[in-house]
């Protein structure tokens, strides 16, 4: 019998919410990428960031649901990736445009990172994840 789950609602609320938001982030990154804006000069860097956003977020959420430490780390890396993209946008267009560009996405990215780095999430993964 396969004991793998996609969503684990027996975990603390912060990790449960982080799983759902990571899956949503993966789907939106797959559908929209970086919003059609070419931020970095290298297409390879842009492609790698979008791949990290898509597969990293989905894989991280799956790993978190199955209480794997690599899933937590991958999910955290995928949650930080949008800030790297925004940093590139900032360097290219300035701070005011970087904050104004995809403001709802910025709020969502902060929420994912806050849920993953919350004390309750970090403590639970430190004790229970393998």
N, C-alpha and C. Protein backbone atom coordinates (compact mmCIF):
# COMPACT_ATOMS: atom_id res chain seq x y z
N UNK A 1 0.84 -1.18 0.00
CA UNK A 1 0.00 0.00 0.00
C UNK A 1 0.88 1.25 0.00
N UNK A 2 0.52 2.22 -0.79
CA UNK A 2 1.25 3.45 -0.90
C UNK A 2 0.79 4.43 0.18
N UNK A 3 1.71 4.89 1.00
CA UNK A 3 1.36 5.79 2.10
C UNK A 3 1.61 7.25 1.77
N UNK A 4 1.90 7.55 0.51
CA UNK A 4 2.17 8.93 0.11
C UNK A 4 0.87 9.72 -0.01
N UNK A 5 0.93 10.97 0.44
CA UNK A 5 -0.23 11.85 0.36
C UNK A 5 0.16 13.14 -0.35
N UNK A 6 -0.81 13.82 -0.93
CA UNK A 6 -0.56 15.10 -1.58
C UNK A 6 -0.74 16.27 -0.61
N UNK A 7 -1.70 16.13 0.28
CA UNK A 7 -1.98 17.15 1.30
C UNK A 7 -2.07 16.43 2.64
N UNK A 8 -1.38 16.97 3.64
CA UNK A 8 -1.40 16.36 4.97
C UNK A 8 -2.01 17.36 5.95
N UNK A 9 -3.26 17.13 6.31
CA UNK A 9 -3.95 18.06 7.20
C UNK A 9 -3.71 17.74 8.67
N UNK A 10 -2.87 16.75 8.96
CA UNK A 10 -2.53 16.43 10.35
C UNK A 10 -1.34 17.23 10.85
N UNK A 11 -0.74 17.99 9.98
CA UNK A 11 0.38 18.84 10.36
C UNK A 11 -0.14 20.16 10.92
N UNK A 12 0.76 20.96 11.52
CA UNK A 12 0.32 22.27 12.01
C UNK A 12 -0.29 23.11 10.89
N UNK A 13 -1.14 24.01 11.29
CA UNK A 13 -1.88 24.83 10.34
C UNK A 13 -0.95 25.59 9.40
N UNK A 14 0.18 26.05 9.90
CA UNK A 14 1.09 26.82 9.05
C UNK A 14 1.66 25.95 7.93
N UNK A 15 2.01 24.71 8.20
CA UNK A 15 2.53 23.83 7.16
C UNK A 15 1.42 23.38 6.21
N UNK A 16 0.24 23.17 6.74
CA UNK A 16 -0.90 22.78 5.89
C UNK A 16 -1.21 23.89 4.88
N UNK A 17 -1.26 25.12 5.36
CA UNK A 17 -1.51 26.26 4.48
C UNK A 17 -0.35 26.43 3.49
N UNK A 18 0.88 26.23 3.95
CA UNK A 18 2.04 26.36 3.06
C UNK A 18 1.97 25.34 1.92
N UNK A 19 1.52 24.12 2.21
CA UNK A 19 1.38 23.10 1.16
C UNK A 19 0.41 23.57 0.08
N UNK A 20 -0.74 24.04 0.49
CA UNK A 20 -1.76 24.49 -0.46
C UNK A 20 -1.25 25.67 -1.27
N UNK A 21 -0.60 26.63 -0.61
CA UNK A 21 -0.10 27.80 -1.32
C UNK A 21 1.04 27.43 -2.27
N UNK A 22 1.88 26.46 -1.89
CA UNK A 22 2.95 26.03 -2.79
C UNK A 22 2.39 25.35 -4.04
N UNK A 23 1.35 24.52 -3.88
CA UNK A 23 0.73 23.91 -5.05
C UNK A 23 0.13 24.99 -5.96
N UNK A 24 -0.54 25.96 -5.37
CA UNK A 24 -1.12 27.05 -6.15
C UNK A 24 -0.02 27.84 -6.86
N UNK A 25 1.08 28.08 -6.17
CA UNK A 25 2.20 28.80 -6.76
C UNK A 25 2.80 28.03 -7.93
N UNK A 26 2.88 26.71 -7.80
CA UNK A 26 3.42 25.88 -8.88
C UNK A 26 2.53 25.96 -10.12
N UNK A 27 1.25 25.89 -9.92
CA UNK A 27 0.32 25.95 -11.06
C UNK A 27 0.38 27.33 -11.72
N UNK A 28 0.41 28.38 -10.92
CA UNK A 28 0.46 29.72 -11.51
C UNK A 28 1.80 29.97 -12.20
N UNK A 29 2.91 29.43 -11.68
CA UNK A 29 4.20 29.58 -12.36
C UNK A 29 4.21 28.81 -13.67
N UNK A 30 3.57 27.66 -13.69
CA UNK A 30 3.49 26.87 -14.92
C UNK A 30 2.66 27.60 -15.98
N UNK A 31 1.57 28.20 -15.55
CA UNK A 31 0.69 28.87 -16.50
C UNK A 31 1.21 30.23 -16.95
N UNK A 32 1.76 31.00 -16.01
CA UNK A 32 2.10 32.38 -16.31
C UNK A 32 3.59 32.67 -16.36
N UNK A 33 4.44 31.78 -15.84
CA UNK A 33 5.88 32.02 -15.83
C UNK A 33 6.21 33.26 -15.05
N UNK A 34 6.93 34.18 -15.67
CA UNK A 34 7.28 35.44 -15.00
C UNK A 34 6.41 36.58 -15.51
N UNK A 35 5.23 36.26 -15.97
CA UNK A 35 4.31 37.28 -16.43
C UNK A 35 4.66 37.86 -17.79
N UNK A 36 5.48 37.14 -18.55
CA UNK A 36 5.85 37.60 -19.88
C UNK A 36 6.91 38.69 -19.89
N UNK A 37 7.44 39.01 -18.72
CA UNK A 37 8.46 40.06 -18.64
C UNK A 37 9.83 39.39 -18.64
N UNK A 38 10.70 39.84 -19.52
CA UNK A 38 12.06 39.31 -19.57
C UNK A 38 12.89 40.12 -18.59
N UNK A 39 13.26 39.49 -17.48
CA UNK A 39 13.93 40.20 -16.41
C UNK A 39 15.44 40.06 -16.50
N UNK A 40 15.91 38.86 -16.72
CA UNK A 40 17.35 38.61 -16.76
C UNK A 40 17.83 38.56 -18.20
N UNK A 41 19.09 38.93 -18.41
CA UNK A 41 19.67 38.88 -19.76
C UNK A 41 19.79 37.44 -20.25
N UNK A 42 20.06 36.54 -19.35
CA UNK A 42 20.23 35.14 -19.71
C UNK A 42 18.89 34.41 -19.69
N UNK A 43 18.54 33.83 -20.81
CA UNK A 43 17.30 33.05 -20.87
C UNK A 43 17.42 31.80 -20.01
N UNK A 44 18.65 31.29 -19.85
CA UNK A 44 18.86 30.10 -19.04
C UNK A 44 18.54 30.37 -17.57
N UNK A 45 18.97 31.51 -17.06
CA UNK A 45 18.67 31.86 -15.67
C UNK A 45 17.17 32.01 -15.48
N UNK A 46 16.51 32.65 -16.40
CA UNK A 46 15.06 32.83 -16.31
C UNK A 46 14.35 31.48 -16.35
N UNK A 47 14.79 30.60 -17.23
CA UNK A 47 14.19 29.27 -17.34
C UNK A 47 14.41 28.46 -16.07
N UNK A 48 15.62 28.53 -15.50
CA UNK A 48 15.90 27.80 -14.27
C UNK A 48 15.05 28.30 -13.10
N UNK A 49 14.85 29.61 -13.03
CA UNK A 49 14.00 30.15 -11.96
C UNK A 49 12.55 29.72 -12.13
N UNK A 50 12.06 29.70 -13.35
CA UNK A 50 10.68 29.27 -13.58
C UNK A 50 10.53 27.77 -13.28
N UNK A 51 11.55 26.98 -13.64
CA UNK A 51 11.52 25.56 -13.30
C UNK A 51 11.56 25.34 -11.79
N UNK A 52 12.38 26.13 -11.09
CA UNK A 52 12.41 26.04 -9.63
C UNK A 52 11.07 26.43 -9.05
N UNK A 53 10.46 27.47 -9.60
CA UNK A 53 9.14 27.88 -9.12
C UNK A 53 8.11 26.79 -9.33
N UNK A 54 8.12 26.18 -10.50
CA UNK A 54 7.10 25.19 -10.84
C UNK A 54 7.33 23.87 -10.12
N UNK A 55 8.43 23.22 -10.46
CA UNK A 55 8.68 21.89 -9.91
C UNK A 55 9.17 21.93 -8.48
N UNK A 56 9.87 23.00 -8.12
CA UNK A 56 10.31 23.15 -6.73
C UNK A 56 9.15 23.34 -5.78
N UNK A 57 8.19 24.16 -6.18
CA UNK A 57 7.04 24.40 -5.32
C UNK A 57 6.18 23.14 -5.19
N UNK A 58 5.92 22.47 -6.32
CA UNK A 58 5.10 21.25 -6.27
C UNK A 58 5.83 20.13 -5.52
N UNK A 59 7.11 19.96 -5.81
CA UNK A 59 7.88 18.93 -5.11
C UNK A 59 8.05 19.24 -3.64
N UNK A 60 8.25 20.51 -3.33
CA UNK A 60 8.37 20.91 -1.93
C UNK A 60 7.08 20.65 -1.16
N UNK A 61 5.96 20.99 -1.77
CA UNK A 61 4.66 20.75 -1.12
C UNK A 61 4.43 19.26 -0.91
N UNK A 62 4.78 18.45 -1.92
CA UNK A 62 4.62 17.00 -1.80
C UNK A 62 5.54 16.45 -0.70
N UNK A 63 6.79 16.94 -0.66
CA UNK A 63 7.71 16.50 0.38
C UNK A 63 7.26 16.92 1.77
N UNK A 64 6.72 18.12 1.90
CA UNK A 64 6.22 18.58 3.19
C UNK A 64 5.04 17.73 3.63
N UNK A 65 4.15 17.41 2.69
CA UNK A 65 2.98 16.59 3.03
C UNK A 65 3.40 15.21 3.52
N UNK A 66 4.52 14.70 3.02
CA UNK A 66 5.00 13.38 3.42
C UNK A 66 6.11 13.46 4.47
N UNK A 67 6.25 14.61 5.09
CA UNK A 67 7.18 14.86 6.20
C UNK A 67 8.61 14.50 5.87
N UNK A 68 9.06 15.00 4.72
CA UNK A 68 10.45 14.82 4.30
C UNK A 68 11.18 16.15 4.45
N UNK A 69 12.36 16.09 5.05
CA UNK A 69 13.14 17.31 5.27
C UNK A 69 13.53 17.97 3.95
N UNK A 70 13.83 17.16 2.92
CA UNK A 70 14.19 17.74 1.61
C UNK A 70 13.02 18.52 1.03
N UNK A 71 11.79 18.10 1.34
CA UNK A 71 10.61 18.82 0.85
C UNK A 71 10.49 20.20 1.46
N UNK A 72 10.80 20.26 2.75
CA UNK A 72 10.76 21.55 3.44
C UNK A 72 11.81 22.49 2.86
N UNK A 73 13.01 21.98 2.62
CA UNK A 73 14.08 22.81 2.07
C UNK A 73 13.77 23.24 0.63
N UNK A 74 13.25 22.30 -0.16
CA UNK A 74 12.90 22.62 -1.54
C UNK A 74 11.76 23.64 -1.59
N UNK A 75 10.78 23.47 -0.71
CA UNK A 75 9.67 24.43 -0.64
C UNK A 75 10.15 25.82 -0.24
N UNK A 76 11.10 25.87 0.70
CA UNK A 76 11.65 27.17 1.11
C UNK A 76 12.43 27.81 -0.03
N UNK A 77 13.19 27.01 -0.77
CA UNK A 77 13.94 27.55 -1.92
C UNK A 77 12.97 28.06 -2.99
N UNK A 78 11.90 27.32 -3.22
CA UNK A 78 10.90 27.75 -4.21
C UNK A 78 10.16 28.98 -3.74
N UNK A 79 10.03 29.15 -2.43
CA UNK A 79 9.36 30.34 -1.90
C UNK A 79 10.26 31.57 -1.99
N UNK A 80 11.57 31.37 -1.99
CA UNK A 80 12.52 32.48 -2.09
C UNK A 80 12.73 32.90 -3.55
N UNK A 81 12.54 31.98 -4.50
CA UNK A 81 12.79 32.26 -5.93
C UNK A 81 12.04 33.48 -6.46
N UNK A 82 10.77 33.70 -6.11
CA UNK A 82 10.10 34.91 -6.62
C UNK A 82 10.77 36.21 -6.17
N UNK A 83 11.42 36.19 -5.01
CA UNK A 83 12.11 37.38 -4.54
C UNK A 83 13.38 37.63 -5.37
N UNK A 84 14.00 36.55 -5.86
CA UNK A 84 15.15 36.70 -6.75
C UNK A 84 14.70 37.32 -8.07
N UNK A 85 13.57 36.87 -8.57
CA UNK A 85 13.01 37.45 -9.79
C UNK A 85 12.69 38.92 -9.58
N UNK A 86 12.10 39.23 -8.44
CA UNK A 86 11.75 40.62 -8.14
C UNK A 86 13.01 41.48 -7.97
N UNK A 87 14.09 40.88 -7.44
CA UNK A 87 15.35 41.60 -7.31
C UNK A 87 15.91 41.94 -8.70
N UNK A 88 15.81 41.01 -9.63
CA UNK A 88 16.23 41.30 -11.00
C UNK A 88 15.37 42.38 -11.62
N UNK A 89 14.08 42.36 -11.33
CA UNK A 89 13.17 43.39 -11.82
C UNK A 89 13.54 44.74 -11.23
N UNK A 90 13.91 44.74 -9.95
CA UNK A 90 14.32 45.96 -9.25
C UNK A 90 15.56 46.55 -9.90
N UNK A 91 16.55 45.71 -10.19
CA UNK A 91 17.78 46.20 -10.80
C UNK A 91 17.53 46.78 -12.19
N UNK A 92 16.57 46.21 -12.88
CA UNK A 92 16.32 46.64 -14.25
C UNK A 92 15.41 47.87 -14.32
N UNK A 93 14.40 47.95 -13.47
CA UNK A 93 13.39 49.00 -13.59
C UNK A 93 13.28 49.94 -12.39
N UNK A 94 13.94 49.64 -11.29
CA UNK A 94 13.89 50.49 -10.11
C UNK A 94 12.97 49.93 -9.03
N UNK A 95 13.14 50.44 -7.82
CA UNK A 95 12.42 49.92 -6.67
C UNK A 95 10.92 50.13 -6.75
N UNK A 96 10.49 51.30 -7.15
CA UNK A 96 9.05 51.57 -7.18
C UNK A 96 8.34 50.64 -8.15
N UNK A 97 8.95 50.38 -9.31
CA UNK A 97 8.34 49.46 -10.28
C UNK A 97 8.37 48.02 -9.77
N UNK A 98 9.42 47.65 -9.05
CA UNK A 98 9.53 46.28 -8.52
C UNK A 98 8.45 46.01 -7.49
N UNK A 99 8.13 47.00 -6.68
CA UNK A 99 7.06 46.82 -5.69
C UNK A 99 5.70 46.86 -6.36
N UNK A 100 5.53 47.72 -7.35
CA UNK A 100 4.26 47.86 -8.03
C UNK A 100 3.94 46.67 -8.94
N UNK A 101 4.99 46.02 -9.50
CA UNK A 101 4.81 44.89 -10.41
C UNK A 101 4.29 43.70 -9.64
N UNK A 102 3.12 43.22 -9.98
CA UNK A 102 2.51 42.03 -9.38
C UNK A 102 2.44 42.13 -7.85
N UNK A 103 1.77 43.16 -7.37
CA UNK A 103 1.67 43.40 -5.93
C UNK A 103 0.96 42.26 -5.22
N UNK A 104 -0.09 41.74 -5.82
CA UNK A 104 -0.80 40.62 -5.20
C UNK A 104 0.10 39.39 -5.12
N UNK A 105 0.91 39.18 -6.15
CA UNK A 105 1.88 38.09 -6.13
C UNK A 105 2.91 38.26 -5.02
N UNK A 106 3.33 39.51 -4.80
CA UNK A 106 4.28 39.80 -3.72
C UNK A 106 3.69 39.44 -2.37
N UNK A 107 2.45 39.82 -2.15
CA UNK A 107 1.78 39.50 -0.89
C UNK A 107 1.66 37.99 -0.72
N UNK A 108 1.33 37.29 -1.78
CA UNK A 108 1.21 35.83 -1.75
C UNK A 108 2.56 35.19 -1.46
N UNK A 109 3.63 35.70 -2.09
CA UNK A 109 4.97 35.15 -1.86
C UNK A 109 5.43 35.36 -0.42
N UNK A 110 5.12 36.51 0.13
CA UNK A 110 5.45 36.78 1.53
C UNK A 110 4.68 35.84 2.44
N UNK A 111 3.42 35.58 2.12
CA UNK A 111 2.61 34.67 2.94
C UNK A 111 3.16 33.24 2.92
N UNK A 112 3.59 32.77 1.76
CA UNK A 112 4.17 31.42 1.68
C UNK A 112 5.44 31.34 2.52
N UNK A 113 6.31 32.32 2.37
CA UNK A 113 7.56 32.32 3.10
C UNK A 113 7.31 32.43 4.60
N UNK A 114 6.36 33.26 4.99
CA UNK A 114 6.04 33.40 6.41
C UNK A 114 5.48 32.11 6.99
N UNK A 115 4.64 31.41 6.23
CA UNK A 115 4.08 30.15 6.72
C UNK A 115 5.16 29.08 6.87
N UNK A 116 6.10 29.05 5.93
CA UNK A 116 7.18 28.05 6.02
C UNK A 116 8.18 28.38 7.11
N UNK A 117 8.50 29.64 7.29
CA UNK A 117 9.51 30.01 8.27
C UNK A 117 8.92 30.30 9.65
N UNK A 118 7.64 30.16 9.80
CA UNK A 118 7.00 30.37 11.09
C UNK A 118 7.62 29.43 12.12
N UNK A 119 7.68 29.89 13.34
CA UNK A 119 8.28 29.11 14.41
C UNK A 119 7.65 27.74 14.57
N UNK A 120 6.33 27.68 14.44
CA UNK A 120 5.61 26.41 14.58
C UNK A 120 5.98 25.44 13.46
N UNK A 121 6.10 25.94 12.24
CA UNK A 121 6.49 25.10 11.10
C UNK A 121 7.92 24.60 11.25
N UNK A 122 8.82 25.51 11.58
CA UNK A 122 10.23 25.15 11.72
C UNK A 122 10.42 24.13 12.84
N UNK A 123 9.75 24.32 13.94
CA UNK A 123 9.87 23.38 15.07
C UNK A 123 9.30 22.02 14.71
N UNK A 124 8.16 22.00 14.05
CA UNK A 124 7.54 20.73 13.68
C UNK A 124 8.43 19.96 12.70
N UNK A 125 8.96 20.63 11.70
CA UNK A 125 9.81 19.94 10.73
C UNK A 125 11.11 19.48 11.38
N UNK A 126 11.64 20.25 12.34
CA UNK A 126 12.87 19.84 13.00
C UNK A 126 12.67 18.55 13.80
N UNK A 127 11.51 18.40 14.40
CA UNK A 127 11.24 17.24 15.25
C UNK A 127 10.71 16.04 14.44
N UNK A 128 9.77 16.27 13.52
CA UNK A 128 9.04 15.17 12.90
C UNK A 128 9.50 14.75 11.52
N UNK A 129 10.19 15.63 10.81
CA UNK A 129 10.56 15.28 9.42
C UNK A 129 11.79 14.40 9.42
N UNK A 130 11.84 13.48 8.42
CA UNK A 130 13.00 12.59 8.30
C UNK A 130 13.89 13.05 7.18
